[in-house]
């Protein structure tokens, strides 16, 4: 994902080429790969040298429900109402005669009516081809974090140190437990039997 600002200065144009470097680690989910990059960023690693590459892309369409006349009419009315709100507010703000709120309400109702009409007509024309609603996603089977070859050892050490610090973190005692002493006291060994 890119978080570039449309108003900020951009560097050189990035053309679609695969990143060069070595595979730092492979993760099953994007969030795991993103967490690894976040860990490196917090350790002041030069993250401009990292890339996350998704492999074996698959298109997944999840069916969310059956299309009915009522659903189509309601969805069309809702989208038309939003368009009516937009145009009604524009006329309300920029009207020299001072159009009032009833004008905005009328624009919403007219927009909802036209949206419902267009939705129902569109559904009537395409009814036999698609009678369900769905969402589409493109997902990858795995995600690789790629790093510049000169920095791969440093990145691996930082990730390994982070994993070890999480694994060795001391357990926090429950507030109802008595305080623990810093040095555990071992009882003295019993005396050896005399022969």
C-alpha atoms as a PDB file:
ATOM      1  CA  UNK A   1       0.000   0.000   0.000  1.00  0.00           C
ATOM      2  CA  UNK A   2       1.170   3.485  -0.726  1.00  0.00           C
ATOM      3  CA  UNK A   3       0.597   6.419   1.563  1.00  0.00           C
ATOM      4  CA  UNK A   4       1.962   9.151  -0.687  1.00  0.00           C
ATOM      5  CA  UNK A   5       0.388  12.558  -0.439  1.00  0.00           C
ATOM      6  CA  UNK A   6      -0.953  13.964  -3.712  1.00  0.00           C
ATOM      7  CA  UNK A   7       0.349  17.385  -2.647  1.00  0.00           C
ATOM      8  CA  UNK A   8       3.825  16.381  -1.473  1.00  0.00           C
ATOM      9  CA  UNK A   9       6.946  16.395  -3.565  1.00  0.00           C
ATOM     10  CA  UNK A  10       7.604  13.118  -5.285  1.00  0.00           C
ATOM     11  CA  UNK A  11      10.933  11.528  -5.933  1.00  0.00           C
ATOM     12  CA  UNK A  12      11.896   9.877  -9.170  1.00  0.00           C
ATOM     13  CA  UNK A  13       9.077   8.069 -10.970  1.00  0.00           C
ATOM     14  CA  UNK A  14       8.726   4.462  -9.853  1.00  0.00           C
ATOM     15  CA  UNK A  15       8.043   2.219 -12.806  1.00  0.00           C
ATOM     16  CA  UNK A  16       6.627  -1.263 -12.204  1.00  0.00           C
ATOM     17  CA  UNK A  17       9.760  -3.363 -11.758  1.00  0.00           C
ATOM     18  CA  UNK A  18      10.430  -6.107  -9.240  1.00  0.00           C
ATOM     19  CA  UNK A  19      12.655  -5.005  -6.376  1.00  0.00           C
ATOM     20  CA  UNK A  20      16.220  -6.288  -6.298  1.00  0.00           C
ATOM     21  CA  UNK A  21      17.752  -7.767  -3.180  1.00  0.00           C
ATOM     22  CA  UNK A  22      17.503 -10.760  -0.897  1.00  0.00           C
ATOM     23  CA  UNK A  23      14.503 -12.245   0.839  1.00  0.00           C
ATOM     24  CA  UNK A  24      14.627 -11.207   4.477  1.00  0.00           C
ATOM     25  CA  UNK A  25      11.609 -13.253   5.570  1.00  0.00           C
ATOM     26  CA  UNK A  26       8.405 -14.795   4.214  1.00  0.00           C
ATOM     27  CA  UNK A  27       5.048 -14.295   5.959  1.00  0.00           C
ATOM     28  CA  UNK A  28       1.588 -15.768   5.447  1.00  0.00           C
ATOM     29  CA  UNK A  29      -0.290 -12.479   5.886  1.00  0.00           C
ATOM     30  CA  UNK A  30       0.359  -8.905   4.851  1.00  0.00           C
ATOM     31  CA  UNK A  31      -0.056  -7.725   8.450  1.00  0.00           C
ATOM     32  CA  UNK A  32       2.831  -9.950   9.612  1.00  0.00           C
ATOM     33  CA  UNK A  33       5.075  -8.527   6.876  1.00  0.00           C
ATOM     34  CA  UNK A  34       3.965  -5.010   7.779  1.00  0.00           C
ATOM     35  CA  UNK A  35       4.747  -5.666  11.464  1.00  0.00           C
ATOM     36  CA  UNK A  36       8.283  -6.776  10.529  1.00  0.00           C
ATOM     37  CA  UNK A  37       8.826  -3.572   8.547  1.00  0.00           C
ATOM     38  CA  UNK A  38       7.420  -1.539  11.467  1.00  0.00           C
ATOM     39  CA  UNK A  39       9.882  -3.272  13.810  1.00  0.00           C
ATOM     40  CA  UNK A  40      12.770  -2.354  11.533  1.00  0.00           C
ATOM     41  CA  UNK A  41      11.514   1.226  11.211  1.00  0.00           C
ATOM     42  CA  UNK A  42      11.428   1.598  15.013  1.00  0.00           C
ATOM     43  CA  UNK A  43      15.047   0.390  15.128  1.00  0.00           C
ATOM     44  CA  UNK A  44      16.102   3.201  12.736  1.00  0.00           C
ATOM     45  CA  UNK A  45      16.692   0.814   9.843  1.00  0.00           C
ATOM     46  CA  UNK A  46      16.723   2.523   6.396  1.00  0.00           C
ATOM     47  CA  UNK A  47      13.252   1.339   5.381  1.00  0.00           C
ATOM     48  CA  UNK A  48      13.581   2.832   1.888  1.00  0.00           C
ATOM     49  CA  UNK A  49      15.670  -0.243   1.120  1.00  0.00           C
ATOM     50  CA  UNK A  50      12.748  -2.606   1.941  1.00  0.00           C
ATOM     51  CA  UNK A  51       9.896  -3.899  -0.200  1.00  0.00           C
ATOM     52  CA  UNK A  52       6.935  -6.167   0.517  1.00  0.00           C
ATOM     53  CA  UNK A  53       6.176  -8.501  -2.388  1.00  0.00           C
ATOM     54  CA  UNK A  54       2.977 -10.551  -2.579  1.00  0.00           C
ATOM     55  CA  UNK A  55       3.360 -13.885  -4.386  1.00  0.00           C
ATOM     56  CA  UNK A  56       0.823 -16.119  -6.138  1.00  0.00           C
ATOM     57  CA  UNK A  57      -1.906 -13.511  -6.440  1.00  0.00           C
ATOM     58  CA  UNK A  58      -5.468 -14.770  -6.473  1.00  0.00           C
ATOM     59  CA  UNK A  59      -8.713 -12.967  -7.176  1.00  0.00           C
ATOM     60  CA  UNK A  60     -11.330 -13.830  -4.550  1.00  0.00           C
ATOM     61  CA  UNK A  61     -14.996 -12.927  -4.947  1.00  0.00           C
ATOM     62  CA  UNK A  62     -17.034 -13.357  -1.785  1.00  0.00           C
ATOM     63  CA  UNK A  63     -20.781 -13.636  -2.309  1.00  0.00           C
ATOM     64  CA  UNK A  64     -22.574 -11.431   0.224  1.00  0.00           C
ATOM     65  CA  UNK A  65     -26.227 -12.081  -0.665  1.00  0.00           C
ATOM     66  CA  UNK A  66     -28.964 -12.549  -3.219  1.00  0.00           C
ATOM     67  CA  UNK A  67     -30.136  -9.608  -5.295  1.00  0.00           C
ATOM     68  CA  UNK A  68     -33.848  -8.876  -5.046  1.00  0.00           C
ATOM     69  CA  UNK A  69     -36.021  -6.109  -6.431  1.00  0.00           C
ATOM     70  CA  UNK A  70     -36.302  -4.568  -2.963  1.00  0.00           C
ATOM     71  CA  UNK A  71     -32.536  -4.563  -2.390  1.00  0.00           C
ATOM     72  CA  UNK A  72     -31.898  -3.013  -5.795  1.00  0.00           C
ATOM     73  CA  UNK A  73     -34.527  -0.316  -5.248  1.00  0.00           C
ATOM     74  CA  UNK A  74     -33.196   0.486  -1.773  1.00  0.00           C
ATOM     75  CA  UNK A  75     -29.562   0.665  -2.932  1.00  0.00           C
ATOM     76  CA  UNK A  76     -30.522   2.874  -5.886  1.00  0.00           C
ATOM     77  CA  UNK A  77     -32.564   5.169  -3.652  1.00  0.00           C
ATOM     78  CA  UNK A  78     -29.701   5.486  -1.167  1.00  0.00           C
ATOM     79  CA  UNK A  79     -27.116   6.378  -3.812  1.00  0.00           C
ATOM     80  CA  UNK A  80     -29.540   8.800  -5.482  1.00  0.00           C
ATOM     81  CA  UNK A  81     -30.307  10.426  -2.128  1.00  0.00           C
ATOM     82  CA  UNK A  82     -26.596  11.066  -1.536  1.00  0.00           C
ATOM     83  CA  UNK A  83     -26.367  12.714  -4.942  1.00  0.00           C
ATOM     84  CA  UNK A  84     -29.465  14.756  -4.075  1.00  0.00           C
ATOM     85  CA  UNK A  85     -27.881  15.879  -0.791  1.00  0.00           C
ATOM     86  CA  UNK A  86     -24.789  17.015  -2.697  1.00  0.00           C
ATOM     87  CA  UNK A  87     -26.683  19.062  -5.289  1.00  0.00           C
ATOM     88  CA  UNK A  88     -29.180  20.366  -2.727  1.00  0.00           C
ATOM     89  CA  UNK A  89     -26.397  21.679  -0.503  1.00  0.00           C
ATOM     90  CA  UNK A  90     -24.642  23.255  -3.486  1.00  0.00           C
ATOM     91  CA  UNK A  91     -27.805  25.166  -4.388  1.00  0.00           C
ATOM     92  CA  UNK A  92     -28.408  26.014  -0.718  1.00  0.00           C
ATOM     93  CA  UNK A  93     -24.916  27.485  -0.304  1.00  0.00           C
ATOM     94  CA  UNK A  94     -24.514  29.269  -3.650  1.00  0.00           C
ATOM     95  CA  UNK A  95     -28.076  30.373  -4.373  1.00  0.00           C
ATOM     96  CA  UNK A  96     -28.411  34.161  -4.505  1.00  0.00           C
ATOM     97  CA  UNK A  97     -32.116  33.934  -3.661  1.00  0.00           C
ATOM     98  CA  UNK A  98     -31.329  31.987  -0.489  1.00  0.00           C
ATOM     99  CA  UNK A  99     -32.898  28.608  -1.194  1.00  0.00           C
ATOM    100  CA  UNK A 100     -33.998  27.082   2.077  1.00  0.00           C
ATOM    101  CA  UNK A 101     -33.846  23.650   3.668  1.00  0.00           C
ATOM    102  CA  UNK A 102     -37.096  22.555   1.977  1.00  0.00           C
ATOM    103  CA  UNK A 103     -35.204  22.891  -1.307  1.00  0.00           C
ATOM    104  CA  UNK A 104     -32.486  20.550   0.008  1.00  0.00           C
ATOM    105  CA  UNK A 105     -35.138  18.035   1.116  1.00  0.00           C
ATOM    106  CA  UNK A 106     -36.766  18.181  -2.302  1.00  0.00           C
ATOM    107  CA  UNK A 107     -33.382  17.554  -3.966  1.00  0.00           C
ATOM    108  CA  UNK A 108     -32.841  14.512  -1.728  1.00  0.00           C
ATOM    109  CA  UNK A 109     -36.266  13.081  -2.605  1.00  0.00           C
ATOM    110  CA  UNK A 110     -35.816  13.694  -6.333  1.00  0.00           C
ATOM    111  CA  UNK A 111     -32.329  12.137  -6.216  1.00  0.00           C
ATOM    112  CA  UNK A 112     -33.679   9.088  -4.353  1.00  0.00           C
ATOM    113  CA  UNK A 113     -36.467   8.689  -6.917  1.00  0.00           C
ATOM    114  CA  UNK A 114     -34.133   8.854  -9.903  1.00  0.00           C
ATOM    115  CA  UNK A 115     -31.606   6.556  -8.193  1.00  0.00           C
ATOM    116  CA  UNK A 116     -34.327   3.982  -7.502  1.00  0.00           C
ATOM    117  CA  UNK A 117     -35.552   4.198 -11.111  1.00  0.00           C
ATOM    118  CA  UNK A 118     -32.062   3.746 -12.593  1.00  0.00           C
ATOM    119  CA  UNK A 119     -31.286   0.870 -10.194  1.00  0.00           C
ATOM    120  CA  UNK A 120     -34.475  -1.021 -11.044  1.00  0.00           C
ATOM    121  CA  UNK A 121     -34.034  -0.508 -14.801  1.00  0.00           C
ATOM    122  CA  UNK A 122     -30.405  -1.646 -14.640  1.00  0.00           C
ATOM    123  CA  UNK A 123     -31.387  -4.750 -12.652  1.00  0.00           C
ATOM    124  CA  UNK A 124     -34.172  -5.566 -15.115  1.00  0.00           C
ATOM    125  CA  UNK A 125     -31.705  -5.454 -18.021  1.00  0.00           C
ATOM    126  CA  UNK A 126     -28.998  -7.552 -16.274  1.00  0.00           C
ATOM    127  CA  UNK A 127     -31.195  -9.819 -14.142  1.00  0.00           C
ATOM    128  CA  UNK A 128     -30.349 -13.197 -15.621  1.00  0.00           C
ATOM    129  CA  UNK A 129     -26.621 -12.529 -15.776  1.00  0.00           C
ATOM    130  CA  UNK A 130     -26.027 -11.679 -12.124  1.00  0.00           C
ATOM    131  CA  UNK A 131     -28.520 -12.315  -9.319  1.00  0.00           C
ATOM    132  CA  UNK A 132     -26.192 -11.858  -6.344  1.00  0.00           C
ATOM    133  CA  UNK A 133     -24.061  -9.236  -4.620  1.00  0.00           C
ATOM    134  CA  UNK A 134     -20.388  -9.760  -3.895  1.00  0.00           C
ATOM    135  CA  UNK A 135     -17.096  -8.131  -2.994  1.00  0.00           C
ATOM    136  CA  UNK A 136     -13.826  -8.648  -4.878  1.00  0.00           C
ATOM    137  CA  UNK A 137     -10.353  -8.908  -3.360  1.00  0.00           C
ATOM    138  CA  UNK A 138      -6.910  -9.682  -4.702  1.00  0.00           C
ATOM    139  CA  UNK A 139      -4.885 -11.599  -2.112  1.00  0.00           C
ATOM    140  CA  UNK A 140      -1.480 -13.253  -2.121  1.00  0.00           C
ATOM    141  CA  UNK A 141      -0.521 -16.706  -0.868  1.00  0.00           C
ATOM    142  CA  UNK A 142       2.502 -15.284   0.942  1.00  0.00           C
ATOM    143  CA  UNK A 143       4.375 -12.021   1.388  1.00  0.00           C
ATOM    144  CA  UNK A 144       8.145 -11.632   1.212  1.00  0.00           C
ATOM    145  CA  UNK A 145      10.085  -8.765   2.714  1.00  0.00           C
ATOM    146  CA  UNK A 146      12.903  -7.956   0.288  1.00  0.00           C
ATOM    147  CA  UNK A 147      15.943  -5.975   1.466  1.00  0.00           C
ATOM    148  CA  UNK A 148      19.045  -4.606  -0.230  1.00  0.00           C
ATOM    149  CA  UNK A 149      21.764  -7.296  -0.187  1.00  0.00           C
ATOM    150  CA  UNK A 150      24.203  -5.067   1.734  1.00  0.00           C
ATOM    151  CA  UNK A 151      21.750  -4.663   4.642  1.00  0.00           C
ATOM    152  CA  UNK A 152      20.294  -8.176   4.926  1.00  0.00           C
ATOM    153  CA  UNK A 153      22.433  -9.274   7.918  1.00  0.00           C
ATOM    154  CA  UNK A 154      21.673  -6.110   9.878  1.00  0.00           C
ATOM    155  CA  UNK A 155      17.941  -6.519   9.228  1.00  0.00           C
ATOM    156  CA  UNK A 156      17.976 -10.193  10.259  1.00  0.00           C
ATOM    157  CA  UNK A 157      19.819  -9.343  13.481  1.00  0.00           C
ATOM    158  CA  UNK A 158      17.304  -6.600  14.321  1.00  0.00           C
ATOM    159  CA  UNK A 159      14.337  -8.918  13.696  1.00  0.00           C
ATOM    160  CA  UNK A 160      15.969 -11.761  15.650  1.00  0.00           C
ATOM    161  CA  UNK A 161      16.715  -9.419  18.575  1.00  0.00           C
ATOM    162  CA  UNK A 162      13.113  -8.237  18.595  1.00  0.00           C
ATOM    163  CA  UNK A 163      11.812 -11.820  18.609  1.00  0.00           C
ATOM    164  CA  UNK A 164      14.168 -12.799  21.454  1.00  0.00           C
ATOM    165  CA  UNK A 165      13.221  -9.778  23.556  1.00  0.00           C
ATOM    166  CA  UNK A 166       9.544 -10.720  23.188  1.00  0.00           C
ATOM    167  CA  UNK A 167      10.220 -14.354  24.105  1.00  0.00           C
ATOM    168  CA  UNK A 168      12.350 -13.529  27.187  1.00  0.00           C
ATOM    169  CA  UNK A 169      10.151 -10.739  28.542  1.00  0.00           C
ATOM    170  CA  UNK A 170       9.554 -11.313  32.272  1.00  0.00           C
ATOM    171  CA  UNK A 171       6.045 -12.196  33.321  1.00  0.00           C
ATOM    172  CA  UNK A 172       4.218  -9.409  35.096  1.00  0.00           C
ATOM    173  CA  UNK A 173       2.903 -10.602  38.462  1.00  0.00           C
ATOM    174  CA  UNK A 174      -0.783 -10.309  39.238  1.00  0.00           C
ATOM    175  CA  UNK A 175      -1.567  -7.502  41.734  1.00  0.00           C
ATOM    176  CA  UNK A 176      -2.910 -10.014  44.268  1.00  0.00           C
ATOM    177  CA  UNK A 177       0.387 -11.953  44.383  1.00  0.00           C
ATOM    178  CA  UNK A 178       2.895 -11.109  47.132  1.00  0.00           C
ATOM    179  CA  UNK A 179       5.978  -9.220  45.924  1.00  0.00           C
ATOM    180  CA  UNK A 180       8.851 -11.373  44.770  1.00  0.00           C
ATOM    181  CA  UNK A 181      12.341 -10.866  46.102  1.00  0.00           C
ATOM    182  CA  UNK A 182      15.143 -10.097  43.671  1.00  0.00           C
ATOM    183  CA  UNK A 183      17.249 -13.112  44.680  1.00  0.00           C
ATOM    184  CA  UNK A 184      15.393 -16.339  45.151  1.00  0.00           C
ATOM    185  CA  UNK A 185      16.377 -17.919  48.435  1.00  0.00           C
ATOM    186  CA  UNK A 186      17.142 -21.617  48.210  1.00  0.00           C
ATOM    187  CA  UNK A 187      16.706 -23.610  51.374  1.00  0.00           C
ATOM    188  CA  UNK A 188      19.893 -25.197  52.750  1.00  0.00           C
ATOM    189  CA  UNK A 189      20.500 -28.783  51.760  1.00  0.00           C
ATOM    190  CA  UNK A 190      19.685 -31.362  54.467  1.00  0.00           C
ATOM    191  CA  UNK A 191      22.744 -32.676  56.306  1.00  0.00           C
ATOM    192  CA  UNK A 192      24.242 -35.841  54.916  1.00  0.00           C
ATOM    193  CA  UNK A 193      23.706 -38.946  57.061  1.00  0.00           C
ATOM    194  CA  UNK A 194      26.691 -39.960  59.137  1.00  0.00           C
ATOM    195  CA  UNK A 195      28.268 -43.300  58.461  1.00  0.00           C
END
